[in-house]
């Protein structure tokens, strides 16, 4: 009868000499998720809640679009900032909850400018609000990347909201004579302005505000004409804090801070836009307040300071 020792020895020998067969394991092959987290970021200005909202990003050849500089020089500046030739450019909007009313500043692009944009509605909902909740939409100006989201399939996206625009901005873009005289891309912008704004006019949900006047109670405005005739920043103050929603004072957060004299093809009046930018920069430095830019890397909120050349952009620490 074999001993316990011999049985164990035989078993161990078998383990050593037997060929190893790897177990059959199935690994999941999940596809890439391919989407980012919802694009919203919150802060408080006094007791007022501000939510930065991303409409998405669009790749733009900014070096080709800037004026008062050469494409070569502009591209070198952007390259030094590790930006590609096609610069990912944010389109931002901002939601202000005063507890008395919910105000959206700018309305994104809607379905006008391609699939990388038009995400404002989903990000409003991801942030905890609904389109029906919004009481007012205040536009810094009526370019399509700020007004395209006002409509969906020809109907108002914000059914309970009153649309509010600077009076000279409305007079310019809603003029049939101006639209008829326009050419090129500006003519297209007139057509899109009519499509986006007219449904609110027809519904009796459209009002204008005067230069440097309050668009709604609790908010102010600053006329920075040039990019468009009524281009206006929207201001909010409370609890010793201040934020200025800049609109299109800059396109990007590099070149026009280093060289404020650089304009962009989208400016209706480039000379006036340059002058407005210089004033806006100087006021932001002197006031030390937060600014929020529509085309500064999301969430587009930060400070402006003077540096050894001109100005510098310091994004808010939102980590």
C-alpha atoms as a PDB file:
ATOM      1  CA  UNK A   1       0.000   0.000   0.000  1.00  0.00           C
ATOM      2  CA  UNK A   2       1.551   3.289  -1.021  1.00  0.00           C
ATOM      3  CA  UNK A   3       2.439   5.638   1.772  1.00  0.00           C
ATOM      4  CA  UNK A   4       1.038   9.150   2.173  1.00  0.00           C
ATOM      5  CA  UNK A   5       4.534  10.482   1.351  1.00  0.00           C
ATOM      6  CA  UNK A   6       4.690   8.624  -1.988  1.00  0.00           C
ATOM      7  CA  UNK A   7       1.203   9.789  -2.945  1.00  0.00           C
ATOM      8  CA  UNK A   8       2.125  13.432  -2.341  1.00  0.00           C
ATOM      9  CA  UNK A   9       5.421  12.992  -4.205  1.00  0.00           C
ATOM     10  CA  UNK A  10       3.628  11.563  -7.239  1.00  0.00           C
ATOM     11  CA  UNK A  11       1.108  14.403  -7.210  1.00  0.00           C
ATOM     12  CA  UNK A  12       3.815  17.043  -7.033  1.00  0.00           C
ATOM     13  CA  UNK A  13       5.762  15.395  -9.839  1.00  0.00           C
ATOM     14  CA  UNK A  14       2.653  15.525 -11.993  1.00  0.00           C
ATOM     15  CA  UNK A  15       2.230  19.231 -11.306  1.00  0.00           C
ATOM     16  CA  UNK A  16       5.822  19.952 -12.299  1.00  0.00           C
ATOM     17  CA  UNK A  17       5.872  17.892 -15.497  1.00  0.00           C
ATOM     18  CA  UNK A  18       2.389  18.620 -16.788  1.00  0.00           C
ATOM     19  CA  UNK A  19       2.295  21.324 -19.467  1.00  0.00           C
ATOM     20  CA  UNK A  20       0.796  24.646 -18.358  1.00  0.00           C
ATOM     21  CA  UNK A  21      -2.418  25.553 -20.096  1.00  0.00           C
ATOM     22  CA  UNK A  22      -3.465  29.161 -19.680  1.00  0.00           C
ATOM     23  CA  UNK A  23      -7.078  29.595 -18.671  1.00  0.00           C
ATOM     24  CA  UNK A  24      -9.389  31.040 -21.254  1.00  0.00           C
ATOM     25  CA  UNK A  25     -10.274  34.558 -20.090  1.00  0.00           C
ATOM     26  CA  UNK A  26     -12.523  36.891 -22.069  1.00  0.00           C
ATOM     27  CA  UNK A  27     -11.577  40.573 -21.760  1.00  0.00           C
ATOM     28  CA  UNK A  28     -14.254  43.210 -22.458  1.00  0.00           C
ATOM     29  CA  UNK A  29     -13.460  45.419 -25.436  1.00  0.00           C
ATOM     30  CA  UNK A  30     -15.396  48.567 -24.567  1.00  0.00           C
ATOM     31  CA  UNK A  31     -15.530  51.365 -27.142  1.00  0.00           C
ATOM     32  CA  UNK A  32     -14.103  54.762 -26.284  1.00  0.00           C
ATOM     33  CA  UNK A  33     -16.625  56.932 -24.458  1.00  0.00           C
ATOM     34  CA  UNK A  34     -15.580  59.897 -26.652  1.00  0.00           C
ATOM     35  CA  UNK A  35     -17.425  62.525 -24.604  1.00  0.00           C
ATOM     36  CA  UNK A  36     -16.344  64.901 -21.858  1.00  0.00           C
ATOM     37  CA  UNK A  37     -18.111  65.609 -18.605  1.00  0.00           C
ATOM     38  CA  UNK A  38     -21.050  68.031 -18.796  1.00  0.00           C
ATOM     39  CA  UNK A  39     -19.769  71.549 -19.434  1.00  0.00           C
ATOM     40  CA  UNK A  40     -20.841  73.721 -16.526  1.00  0.00           C
ATOM     41  CA  UNK A  41     -19.039  75.459 -13.676  1.00  0.00           C
ATOM     42  CA  UNK A  42     -20.518  77.411 -10.760  1.00  0.00           C
ATOM     43  CA  UNK A  43     -19.438  80.275  -8.553  1.00  0.00           C
ATOM     44  CA  UNK A  44     -21.094  82.878  -6.358  1.00  0.00           C
ATOM     45  CA  UNK A  45     -20.994  86.636  -6.770  1.00  0.00           C
ATOM     46  CA  UNK A  46     -22.309  87.784  -3.428  1.00  0.00           C
ATOM     47  CA  UNK A  47     -25.553  85.825  -2.976  1.00  0.00           C
ATOM     48  CA  UNK A  48     -26.079  85.335  -6.724  1.00  0.00           C
ATOM     49  CA  UNK A  49     -25.305  82.000  -8.372  1.00  0.00           C
ATOM     50  CA  UNK A  50     -23.447  82.163 -11.686  1.00  0.00           C
ATOM     51  CA  UNK A  51     -23.151  79.076 -13.881  1.00  0.00           C
ATOM     52  CA  UNK A  52     -20.729  79.052 -16.798  1.00  0.00           C
ATOM     53  CA  UNK A  53     -22.084  76.888 -19.615  1.00  0.00           C
ATOM     54  CA  UNK A  54     -20.234  75.419 -22.572  1.00  0.00           C
ATOM     55  CA  UNK A  55     -21.889  75.385 -25.983  1.00  0.00           C
ATOM     56  CA  UNK A  56     -18.858  73.412 -27.183  1.00  0.00           C
ATOM     57  CA  UNK A  57     -15.689  74.271 -29.060  1.00  0.00           C
ATOM     58  CA  UNK A  58     -14.961  74.895 -32.711  1.00  0.00           C
ATOM     59  CA  UNK A  59     -11.587  74.650 -34.462  1.00  0.00           C
ATOM     60  CA  UNK A  60     -10.804  78.012 -36.077  1.00  0.00           C
ATOM     61  CA  UNK A  61      -7.797  79.159 -38.117  1.00  0.00           C
ATOM     62  CA  UNK A  62      -7.400  82.183 -35.859  1.00  0.00           C
ATOM     63  CA  UNK A  63      -4.082  83.263 -37.385  1.00  0.00           C
ATOM     64  CA  UNK A  64      -5.858  83.691 -40.734  1.00  0.00           C
ATOM     65  CA  UNK A  65      -8.766  85.570 -39.149  1.00  0.00           C
ATOM     66  CA  UNK A  66      -6.819  88.111 -37.097  1.00  0.00           C
ATOM     67  CA  UNK A  67      -6.145  91.483 -38.728  1.00  0.00           C
ATOM     68  CA  UNK A  68      -3.667  94.289 -38.011  1.00  0.00           C
ATOM     69  CA  UNK A  69      -0.998  91.593 -37.915  1.00  0.00           C
ATOM     70  CA  UNK A  70       0.443  89.061 -40.335  1.00  0.00           C
ATOM     71  CA  UNK A  71      -0.690  85.454 -40.440  1.00  0.00           C
ATOM     72  CA  UNK A  72       2.932  84.415 -39.900  1.00  0.00           C
ATOM     73  CA  UNK A  73       3.367  86.498 -36.749  1.00  0.00           C
ATOM     74  CA  UNK A  74      -0.005  85.500 -35.355  1.00  0.00           C
ATOM     75  CA  UNK A  75       0.722  81.823 -35.945  1.00  0.00           C
ATOM     76  CA  UNK A  76       4.074  82.097 -34.171  1.00  0.00           C
ATOM     77  CA  UNK A  77       2.437  83.608 -31.088  1.00  0.00           C
ATOM     78  CA  UNK A  78      -0.191  80.876 -31.008  1.00  0.00           C
ATOM     79  CA  UNK A  79       2.421  78.184 -31.589  1.00  0.00           C
ATOM     80  CA  UNK A  80       4.468  79.492 -28.661  1.00  0.00           C
ATOM     81  CA  UNK A  81       1.353  78.974 -26.543  1.00  0.00           C
ATOM     82  CA  UNK A  82       1.216  75.316 -27.746  1.00  0.00           C
ATOM     83  CA  UNK A  83      -1.877  75.934 -29.845  1.00  0.00           C
ATOM     84  CA  UNK A  84      -2.359  74.144 -33.180  1.00  0.00           C
ATOM     85  CA  UNK A  85      -3.041  75.858 -36.484  1.00  0.00           C
ATOM     86  CA  UNK A  86      -6.744  75.111 -36.048  1.00  0.00           C
ATOM     87  CA  UNK A  87      -7.312  76.548 -32.591  1.00  0.00           C
ATOM     88  CA  UNK A  88     -10.000  74.916 -30.409  1.00  0.00           C
ATOM     89  CA  UNK A  89     -12.146  77.946 -29.606  1.00  0.00           C
ATOM     90  CA  UNK A  90     -14.727  77.913 -26.838  1.00  0.00           C
ATOM     91  CA  UNK A  91     -18.258  79.225 -27.143  1.00  0.00           C
ATOM     92  CA  UNK A  92     -19.494  80.039 -23.637  1.00  0.00           C
ATOM     93  CA  UNK A  93     -22.737  81.322 -22.153  1.00  0.00           C
ATOM     94  CA  UNK A  94     -23.588  82.180 -18.557  1.00  0.00           C
ATOM     95  CA  UNK A  95     -26.626  81.602 -16.376  1.00  0.00           C
ATOM     96  CA  UNK A  96     -27.343  84.035 -13.529  1.00  0.00           C
ATOM     97  CA  UNK A  97     -29.740  83.037 -10.750  1.00  0.00           C
ATOM     98  CA  UNK A  98     -30.662  86.053  -8.615  1.00  0.00           C
ATOM     99  CA  UNK A  99     -33.381  84.031  -6.799  1.00  0.00           C
ATOM    100  CA  UNK A 100     -35.834  86.541  -8.254  1.00  0.00           C
ATOM    101  CA  UNK A 101     -35.186  85.558 -11.868  1.00  0.00           C
ATOM    102  CA  UNK A 102     -33.074  83.204 -13.937  1.00  0.00           C
ATOM    103  CA  UNK A 103     -31.169  85.079 -16.645  1.00  0.00           C
ATOM    104  CA  UNK A 104     -29.189  83.510 -19.496  1.00  0.00           C
ATOM    105  CA  UNK A 105     -26.433  85.674 -20.960  1.00  0.00           C
ATOM    106  CA  UNK A 106     -25.989  84.647 -24.613  1.00  0.00           C
ATOM    107  CA  UNK A 107     -27.694  81.644 -26.156  1.00  0.00           C
ATOM    108  CA  UNK A 108     -25.023  79.650 -27.989  1.00  0.00           C
ATOM    109  CA  UNK A 109     -25.088  78.495 -31.595  1.00  0.00           C
ATOM    110  CA  UNK A 110     -28.019  76.105 -31.767  1.00  0.00           C
ATOM    111  CA  UNK A 111     -27.918  74.062 -34.957  1.00  0.00           C
ATOM    112  CA  UNK A 112     -26.107  76.693 -37.032  1.00  0.00           C
ATOM    113  CA  UNK A 113     -22.393  76.006 -36.672  1.00  0.00           C
ATOM    114  CA  UNK A 114     -21.831  72.281 -36.694  1.00  0.00           C
ATOM    115  CA  UNK A 115     -21.884  69.231 -34.407  1.00  0.00           C
ATOM    116  CA  UNK A 116     -18.997  70.286 -32.151  1.00  0.00           C
ATOM    117  CA  UNK A 117     -21.211  73.137 -30.929  1.00  0.00           C
ATOM    118  CA  UNK A 118     -24.876  73.456 -30.000  1.00  0.00           C
ATOM    119  CA  UNK A 119     -24.467  71.805 -26.607  1.00  0.00           C
ATOM    120  CA  UNK A 120     -25.896  74.634 -24.504  1.00  0.00           C
ATOM    121  CA  UNK A 121     -29.332  73.109 -23.966  1.00  0.00           C
ATOM    122  CA  UNK A 122     -27.957  69.784 -22.735  1.00  0.00           C
ATOM    123  CA  UNK A 123     -25.530  71.550 -20.404  1.00  0.00           C
ATOM    124  CA  UNK A 124     -28.270  73.781 -18.976  1.00  0.00           C
ATOM    125  CA  UNK A 125     -30.185  70.627 -18.139  1.00  0.00           C
ATOM    126  CA  UNK A 126     -27.082  68.875 -16.799  1.00  0.00           C
ATOM    127  CA  UNK A 127     -26.541  71.860 -14.497  1.00  0.00           C
ATOM    128  CA  UNK A 128     -29.969  71.309 -12.931  1.00  0.00           C
ATOM    129  CA  UNK A 129     -32.187  73.754 -14.824  1.00  0.00           C
ATOM    130  CA  UNK A 130     -34.740  73.463 -17.622  1.00  0.00           C
ATOM    131  CA  UNK A 131     -35.271  75.688 -20.630  1.00  0.00           C
ATOM    132  CA  UNK A 132     -38.719  76.608 -19.292  1.00  0.00           C
ATOM    133  CA  UNK A 133     -37.106  77.936 -16.086  1.00  0.00           C
ATOM    134  CA  UNK A 134     -35.338  80.812 -17.831  1.00  0.00           C
ATOM    135  CA  UNK A 135     -37.037  84.178 -17.394  1.00  0.00           C
ATOM    136  CA  UNK A 136     -34.769  86.344 -19.568  1.00  0.00           C
ATOM    137  CA  UNK A 137     -32.157  85.891 -22.270  1.00  0.00           C
ATOM    138  CA  UNK A 138     -29.790  88.863 -22.520  1.00  0.00           C
ATOM    139  CA  UNK A 139     -27.526  88.979 -25.569  1.00  0.00           C
ATOM    140  CA  UNK A 140     -24.166  90.720 -25.577  1.00  0.00           C
ATOM    141  CA  UNK A 141     -24.775  90.989 -29.337  1.00  0.00           C
ATOM    142  CA  UNK A 142     -26.693  89.223 -32.118  1.00  0.00           C
ATOM    143  CA  UNK A 143     -23.967  87.308 -33.961  1.00  0.00           C
ATOM    144  CA  UNK A 144     -25.138  83.756 -34.657  1.00  0.00           C
ATOM    145  CA  UNK A 145     -22.767  82.115 -32.162  1.00  0.00           C
ATOM    146  CA  UNK A 146     -24.623  84.076 -29.456  1.00  0.00           C
ATOM    147  CA  UNK A 147     -28.158  83.953 -30.825  1.00  0.00           C
ATOM    148  CA  UNK A 148     -28.411  80.696 -32.802  1.00  0.00           C
ATOM    149  CA  UNK A 149     -29.600  78.794 -29.738  1.00  0.00           C
ATOM    150  CA  UNK A 150     -32.662  81.020 -29.399  1.00  0.00           C
ATOM    151  CA  UNK A 151     -34.600  78.767 -31.760  1.00  0.00           C
ATOM    152  CA  UNK A 152     -34.996  75.074 -32.476  1.00  0.00           C
ATOM    153  CA  UNK A 153     -36.861  73.972 -35.590  1.00  0.00           C
ATOM    154  CA  UNK A 154     -38.068  77.535 -36.036  1.00  0.00           C
ATOM    155  CA  UNK A 155     -39.621  77.751 -32.567  1.00  0.00           C
ATOM    156  CA  UNK A 156     -38.455  79.556 -29.454  1.00  0.00           C
ATOM    157  CA  UNK A 157     -36.108  77.425 -27.365  1.00  0.00           C
ATOM    158  CA  UNK A 158     -36.919  79.467 -24.250  1.00  0.00           C
ATOM    159  CA  UNK A 159     -40.726  79.663 -24.307  1.00  0.00           C
ATOM    160  CA  UNK A 160     -41.089  81.667 -21.079  1.00  0.00           C
ATOM    161  CA  UNK A 161     -38.154  84.033 -21.601  1.00  0.00           C
ATOM    162  CA  UNK A 162     -38.083  87.636 -22.739  1.00  0.00           C
ATOM    163  CA  UNK A 163     -35.219  88.338 -25.124  1.00  0.00           C
ATOM    164  CA  UNK A 164     -33.320  91.533 -24.261  1.00  0.00           C
ATOM    165  CA  UNK A 165     -30.825  93.281 -26.556  1.00  0.00           C
ATOM    166  CA  UNK A 166     -29.118  96.683 -26.639  1.00  0.00           C
ATOM    167  CA  UNK A 167     -31.344  99.044 -28.637  1.00  0.00           C
ATOM    168  CA  UNK A 168     -28.711 100.067 -31.210  1.00  0.00           C
ATOM    169  CA  UNK A 169     -27.815  96.390 -31.688  1.00  0.00           C
ATOM    170  CA  UNK A 170     -31.437  95.573 -32.448  1.00  0.00           C
ATOM    171  CA  UNK A 171     -31.807  98.584 -34.727  1.00  0.00           C
ATOM    172  CA  UNK A 172     -28.772  97.500 -36.775  1.00  0.00           C
ATOM    173  CA  UNK A 173     -29.517  93.779 -37.166  1.00  0.00           C
ATOM    174  CA  UNK A 174     -33.281  94.008 -37.592  1.00  0.00           C
ATOM    175  CA  UNK A 175     -33.121  96.674 -40.304  1.00  0.00           C
ATOM    176  CA  UNK A 176     -34.338  95.456 -43.686  1.00  0.00           C
ATOM    177  CA  UNK A 177     -32.312  98.209 -45.380  1.00  0.00           C
ATOM    178  CA  UNK A 178     -29.104  97.134 -43.639  1.00  0.00           C
ATOM    179  CA  UNK A 179     -29.751  93.505 -44.515  1.00  0.00           C
ATOM    180  CA  UNK A 180     -30.287  94.390 -48.175  1.00  0.00           C
ATOM    181  CA  UNK A 181     -27.060  96.407 -48.329  1.00  0.00           C
ATOM    182  CA  UNK A 182     -24.909  93.778 -46.577  1.00  0.00           C
ATOM    183  CA  UNK A 183     -22.538  91.488 -48.469  1.00  0.00           C
ATOM    184  CA  UNK A 184     -20.653  88.251 -47.825  1.00  0.00           C
ATOM    185  CA  UNK A 185     -20.759  86.629 -44.427  1.00  0.00           C
ATOM    186  CA  UNK A 186     -22.375  89.716 -42.898  1.00  0.00           C
ATOM    187  CA  UNK A 187     -25.385  89.258 -45.189  1.00  0.00           C
ATOM    188  CA  UNK A 188     -25.668  85.691 -43.922  1.00  0.00           C
ATOM    189  CA  UNK A 189     -25.544  86.998 -40.349  1.00  0.00           C
ATOM    190  CA  UNK A 190     -28.465  89.319 -41.081  1.00  0.00           C
ATOM    191  CA  UNK A 191     -30.546  86.408 -42.330  1.00  0.00           C
ATOM    192  CA  UNK A 192     -29.716  84.334 -39.270  1.00  0.00           C
ATOM    193  CA  UNK A 193     -30.451  87.262 -36.939  1.00  0.00           C
ATOM    194  CA  UNK A 194     -33.915  87.537 -38.475  1.00  0.00           C
ATOM    195  CA  UNK A 195     -34.544  83.806 -38.064  1.00  0.00           C
ATOM    196  CA  UNK A 196     -33.447  83.757 -34.420  1.00  0.00           C
ATOM    197  CA  UNK A 197     -34.849  87.031 -33.069  1.00  0.00           C
ATOM    198  CA  UNK A 198     -38.112  87.476 -34.997  1.00  0.00           C
ATOM    199  CA  UNK A 199     -39.979  84.624 -33.211  1.00  0.00           C
ATOM    200  CA  UNK A 200     -39.490  86.507 -29.928  1.00  0.00           C
ATOM    201  CA  UNK A 201     -40.588  89.797 -31.477  1.00  0.00           C
ATOM    202  CA  UNK A 202     -43.729  88.184 -32.872  1.00  0.00           C
ATOM    203  CA  UNK A 203     -44.507  86.578 -29.509  1.00  0.00           C
ATOM    204  CA  UNK A 204     -44.231  89.920 -27.699  1.00  0.00           C
ATOM    205  CA  UNK A 205     -41.181  88.583 -25.867  1.00  0.00           C
ATOM    206  CA  UNK A 206     -38.595  91.100 -27.086  1.00  0.00           C
ATOM    207  CA  UNK A 207     -37.333  94.239 -25.359  1.00  0.00           C
ATOM    208  CA  UNK A 208     -34.360  96.539 -25.832  1.00  0.00           C
ATOM    209  CA  UNK A 209     -32.233  98.390 -23.293  1.00  0.00           C
ATOM    210  CA  UNK A 210     -30.374 101.683 -23.651  1.00  0.00           C
ATOM    211  CA  UNK A 211     -26.604 102.123 -23.721  1.00  0.00           C
ATOM    212  CA  UNK A 212     -25.061 101.366 -20.300  1.00  0.00           C
ATOM    213  CA  UNK A 213     -28.514 100.653 -18.858  1.00  0.00           C
ATOM    214  CA  UNK A 214     -29.816  97.707 -16.841  1.00  0.00           C
ATOM    215  CA  UNK A 215     -31.202  94.967 -19.106  1.00  0.00           C
ATOM    216  CA  UNK A 216     -33.033  93.473 -16.093  1.00  0.00           C
ATOM    217  CA  UNK A 217     -33.116  94.420 -12.408  1.00  0.00           C
ATOM    218  CA  UNK A 218     -29.875  93.378 -10.724  1.00  0.00           C
ATOM    219  CA  UNK A 219     -27.734  93.456 -13.854  1.00  0.00           C
ATOM    220  CA  UNK A 220     -26.054  96.348 -15.649  1.00  0.00           C
ATOM    221  CA  UNK A 221     -24.430  96.841 -19.035  1.00  0.00           C
ATOM    222  CA  UNK A 222     -21.427  98.575 -20.581  1.00  0.00           C
ATOM    223  CA  UNK A 223     -21.499  99.582 -24.232  1.00  0.00           C
ATOM    224  CA  UNK A 224     -18.310  98.317 -25.915  1.00  0.00           C
ATOM    225  CA  UNK A 225     -19.320  99.059 -29.500  1.00  0.00           C
ATOM    226  CA  UNK A 226     -17.132  97.984 -32.394  1.00  0.00           C
ATOM    227  CA  UNK A 227     -17.348  94.239 -32.708  1.00  0.00           C
ATOM    228  CA  UNK A 228     -20.971  95.031 -33.483  1.00  0.00           C
ATOM    229  CA  UNK A 229     -22.736  98.411 -33.189  1.00  0.00           C
ATOM    230  CA  UNK A 230     -24.434  97.611 -29.890  1.00  0.00           C
ATOM    231  CA  UNK A 231     -21.983  95.081 -28.472  1.00  0.00           C
ATOM    232  CA  UNK A 232     -22.454  95.295 -24.696  1.00  0.00           C
ATOM    233  CA  UNK A 233     -20.916  93.623 -21.687  1.00  0.00           C
ATOM    234  CA  UNK A 234     -23.301  92.624 -18.902  1.00  0.00           C
ATOM    235  CA  UNK A 235     -22.331  93.372 -15.294  1.00  0.00           C
ATOM    236  CA  UNK A 236     -23.197  91.810 -11.947  1.00  0.00           C
ATOM    237  CA  UNK A 237     -22.171  93.104  -8.520  1.00  0.00           C
ATOM    238  CA  UNK A 238     -22.858  91.914  -4.995  1.00  0.00           C
ATOM    239  CA  UNK A 239     -21.201  91.269  -1.673  1.00  0.00           C
ATOM    240  CA  UNK A 240     -18.193  93.364  -2.632  1.00  0.00           C
ATOM    241  CA  UNK A 241     -17.639  91.269  -5.759  1.00  0.00           C
ATOM    242  CA  UNK A 242     -18.080  92.040  -9.435  1.00  0.00           C
ATOM    243  CA  UNK A 243     -18.079  90.114 -12.688  1.00  0.00           C
ATOM    244  CA  UNK A 244     -18.352  91.514 -16.211  1.00  0.00           C
ATOM    245  CA  UNK A 245     -19.635  89.194 -18.930  1.00  0.00           C
ATOM    246  CA  UNK A 246     -17.504  90.472 -21.785  1.00  0.00           C
ATOM    247  CA  UNK A 247     -19.051  88.997 -24.896  1.00  0.00           C
ATOM    248  CA  UNK A 248     -16.496  89.207 -27.709  1.00  0.00           C
ATOM    249  CA  UNK A 249     -13.959  91.654 -26.321  1.00  0.00           C
ATOM    250  CA  UNK A 250     -11.423  88.976 -27.284  1.00  0.00           C
ATOM    251  CA  UNK A 251     -11.350  85.886 -29.453  1.00  0.00           C
ATOM    252  CA  UNK A 252      -9.029  83.565 -27.559  1.00  0.00           C
ATOM    253  CA  UNK A 253      -6.899  84.238 -24.504  1.00  0.00           C
ATOM    254  CA  UNK A 254      -3.435  84.737 -26.006  1.00  0.00           C
ATOM    255  CA  UNK A 255      -2.815  87.056 -28.940  1.00  0.00           C
ATOM    256  CA  UNK A 256      -5.223  89.906 -28.265  1.00  0.00           C
ATOM    257  CA  UNK A 257      -3.980  90.202 -24.685  1.00  0.00           C
ATOM    258  CA  UNK A 258      -0.377  90.443 -25.907  1.00  0.00           C
ATOM    259  CA  UNK A 259      -1.373  92.706 -28.803  1.00  0.00           C
ATOM    260  CA  UNK A 260      -4.671  94.514 -28.090  1.00  0.00           C
ATOM    261  CA  UNK A 261      -4.403  96.309 -31.445  1.00  0.00           C
ATOM    262  CA  UNK A 262      -5.064  93.047 -33.283  1.00  0.00           C
ATOM    263  CA  UNK A 263      -8.640  92.862 -34.587  1.00  0.00           C
ATOM    264  CA  UNK A 264     -10.534  89.995 -36.197  1.00  0.00           C
ATOM    265  CA  UNK A 265     -12.507  89.656 -39.415  1.00  0.00           C
ATOM    266  CA  UNK A 266     -15.748  89.265 -37.460  1.00  0.00           C
ATOM    267  CA  UNK A 267     -15.547  92.867 -36.195  1.00  0.00           C
ATOM    268  CA  UNK A 268     -18.075  95.139 -37.915  1.00  0.00           C
ATOM    269  CA  UNK A 269     -15.897  98.168 -37.082  1.00  0.00           C
ATOM    270  CA  UNK A 270     -12.356  96.977 -36.410  1.00  0.00           C
ATOM    271  CA  UNK A 271     -10.993 100.346 -35.308  1.00  0.00           C
ATOM    272  CA  UNK A 272     -13.782 100.794 -32.772  1.00  0.00           C
ATOM    273  CA  UNK A 273     -13.391  97.187 -31.587  1.00  0.00           C
ATOM    274  CA  UNK A 274      -9.701  97.783 -30.848  1.00  0.00           C
ATOM    275  CA  UNK A 275     -10.528 100.948 -28.905  1.00  0.00           C
ATOM    276  CA  UNK A 276     -13.231  99.129 -26.933  1.00  0.00           C
ATOM    277  CA  UNK A 277     -10.836  96.313 -26.064  1.00  0.00           C
ATOM    278  CA  UNK A 278      -8.264  98.748 -24.695  1.00  0.00           C
ATOM    279  CA  UNK A 279     -10.920 100.377 -22.504  1.00  0.00           C
ATOM    280  CA  UNK A 280     -12.240  96.998 -21.318  1.00  0.00           C
ATOM    281  CA  UNK A 281      -8.733  95.777 -20.459  1.00  0.00           C
ATOM    282  CA  UNK A 282      -7.883  98.945 -18.572  1.00  0.00           C
ATOM    283  CA  UNK A 283     -11.139  98.897 -16.621  1.00  0.00           C
ATOM    284  CA  UNK A 284     -10.689  95.228 -15.693  1.00  0.00           C
ATOM    285  CA  UNK A 285      -7.135  95.862 -14.455  1.00  0.00           C
ATOM    286  CA  UNK A 286      -8.111  98.941 -12.466  1.00  0.00           C
ATOM    287  CA  UNK A 287     -11.246  97.320 -11.032  1.00  0.00           C
ATOM    288  CA  UNK A 288      -9.577  93.962 -10.308  1.00  0.00           C
ATOM    289  CA  UNK A 289     -12.927  92.296 -11.017  1.00  0.00           C
ATOM    290  CA  UNK A 290     -13.661  88.972 -12.677  1.00  0.00           C
ATOM    291  CA  UNK A 291     -14.441  88.910 -16.363  1.00  0.00           C
ATOM    292  CA  UNK A 292     -16.180  86.189 -18.346  1.00  0.00           C
ATOM    293  CA  UNK A 293     -15.402  85.833 -22.041  1.00  0.00           C
ATOM    294  CA  UNK A 294     -17.510  84.096 -24.654  1.00  0.00           C
ATOM    295  CA  UNK A 295     -14.466  82.827 -26.570  1.00  0.00           C
ATOM    296  CA  UNK A 296     -11.919  82.249 -23.823  1.00  0.00           C
ATOM    297  CA  UNK A 297     -11.134  78.634 -22.861  1.00  0.00           C
ATOM    298  CA  UNK A 298     -14.003  77.265 -20.791  1.00  0.00           C
ATOM    299  CA  UNK A 299     -15.207  78.295 -18.256  1.00  0.00           C
ATOM    300  CA  UNK A 300     -13.922  81.595 -19.663  1.00  0.00           C
ATOM    301  CA  UNK A 301     -13.707  83.295 -16.258  1.00  0.00           C
ATOM    302  CA  UNK A 302     -10.639  85.028 -14.853  1.00  0.00           C
ATOM    303  CA  UNK A 303      -8.777  88.277 -14.291  1.00  0.00           C
ATOM    304  CA  UNK A 304      -6.805  90.647 -16.485  1.00  0.00           C
ATOM    305  CA  UNK A 305      -3.502  92.094 -15.311  1.00  0.00           C
ATOM    306  CA  UNK A 306      -0.791  94.258 -16.783  1.00  0.00           C
ATOM    307  CA  UNK A 307       2.449  92.506 -17.636  1.00  0.00           C
ATOM    308  CA  UNK A 308       5.800  93.582 -19.047  1.00  0.00           C
ATOM    309  CA  UNK A 309       4.376  94.062 -22.555  1.00  0.00           C
ATOM    310  CA  UNK A 310       0.629  94.665 -22.462  1.00  0.00           C
ATOM    311  CA  UNK A 311      -1.880  92.438 -20.682  1.00  0.00           C
ATOM    312  CA  UNK A 312      -2.166  88.906 -19.403  1.00  0.00           C
ATOM    313  CA  UNK A 313      -5.089  86.555 -18.822  1.00  0.00           C
ATOM    314  CA  UNK A 314      -5.270  84.683 -15.491  1.00  0.00           C
ATOM    315  CA  UNK A 315      -7.968  82.003 -15.492  1.00  0.00           C
ATOM    316  CA  UNK A 316      -9.923  81.453 -12.308  1.00  0.00           C
ATOM    317  CA  UNK A 317      -8.641  78.604 -10.146  1.00  0.00           C
ATOM    318  CA  UNK A 318     -11.548  76.222 -10.511  1.00  0.00           C
ATOM    319  CA  UNK A 319      -9.804  72.988  -9.496  1.00  0.00           C
END
